C-alpha cells in the first residue's frame, strides 16, 4: 500500500503539533482510537502500527535509517 501525500501540521494544546493519519492507512491496518503505534524519527518520520509484520528487507532498512 505504498503512497505519498502532503499533510498540514495543526497546532494542538500548549505548543504541541498534530498530523492526521491518512484514512487508507488507518483502514488497511485496522487502527482504532487509542491504538498504539511506534514512531521512528530523525530527518524523516515513520509510523509503524502495533503488531505490524515487517519483511526482513524493511527491518534492515529501518535499522540502517536509525544508525
Protein backbone atom coordinates (compact mmCIF):
# COMPACT_ATOMS: atom_id res chain seq x y z
CA UNK A 1 0.00 0.00 0.00
CA UNK A 2 2.79 2.49 -0.70
CA UNK A 3 1.52 6.05 -1.10
CA UNK A 4 2.66 9.64 -0.88
CA UNK A 5 0.58 12.52 0.47
CA UNK A 6 1.07 16.02 1.79
CA UNK A 7 -0.39 16.85 5.20
CA UNK A 8 -0.66 20.12 7.12
CA UNK A 9 0.62 20.42 10.67
CA UNK A 10 -2.08 21.50 13.12
CA UNK A 11 -1.45 23.34 16.41
CA UNK A 12 -2.59 21.31 19.43
CA UNK A 13 -2.72 22.32 23.07
CA UNK A 14 0.19 24.21 24.60
CA UNK A 15 2.74 24.14 21.79
CA UNK A 16 2.03 20.62 20.54
CA UNK A 17 1.54 19.72 16.89
CA UNK A 18 -0.60 17.09 15.17
CA UNK A 19 -0.55 15.42 11.74
CA UNK A 20 -3.54 13.26 10.85
CA UNK A 21 -3.00 9.69 9.63
CA UNK A 22 -4.43 9.03 6.13
CA UNK A 23 -7.70 7.04 6.18
CA UNK A 24 -6.43 4.35 3.75
CA UNK A 25 -3.53 3.66 6.18
CA UNK A 26 -5.91 3.55 9.16
CA UNK A 27 -8.31 1.23 7.32
CA UNK A 28 -5.56 -1.05 5.97
CA UNK A 29 -4.07 -1.54 9.44
CA UNK A 30 -7.47 -1.60 11.16
CA UNK A 31 -6.42 1.17 13.57
CA UNK A 32 -8.87 2.37 16.19
CA UNK A 33 -8.80 5.32 18.61
CA UNK A 34 -6.37 4.67 21.48
CA UNK A 35 -4.42 2.02 19.49
CA UNK A 36 -0.66 2.38 19.87
CA UNK A 37 1.77 2.93 17.01
CA UNK A 38 5.57 3.03 17.06
CA UNK A 39 7.10 6.26 15.77
CA UNK A 40 10.67 6.39 14.47
CA UNK A 41 12.13 9.76 13.58
CA UNK A 42 15.23 11.67 12.69
CA UNK A 43 15.10 13.71 9.49
CA UNK A 44 12.13 11.51 8.47
CA UNK A 45 9.11 10.22 10.39
CA UNK A 46 7.98 6.59 10.19
CA UNK A 47 4.78 5.27 11.79
CA UNK A 48 4.60 1.53 12.43
CA UNK A 49 1.25 0.10 13.59
CA UNK A 50 1.40 -2.16 16.65
CA UNK A 51 1.64 -5.78 15.55
CA UNK A 52 2.78 -4.91 12.00
CA UNK A 53 4.78 -7.67 10.35
CA UNK A 54 7.75 -6.13 8.55
CA UNK A 55 9.75 -8.01 5.95
CA UNK A 56 13.43 -8.64 6.64
CA UNK A 57 14.23 -6.08 3.95
CA UNK A 58 12.16 -3.38 5.67
CA UNK A 59 13.59 -4.27 9.11
CA UNK A 60 17.12 -3.96 7.68
CA UNK A 61 16.29 -0.60 6.05
CA UNK A 62 14.82 0.76 9.28
CA UNK A 63 17.88 -0.33 11.22
CA UNK A 64 20.11 1.47 8.69
CA UNK A 65 17.99 4.62 8.88
CA UNK A 66 18.32 4.74 12.67
CA UNK A 67 22.12 4.33 12.76
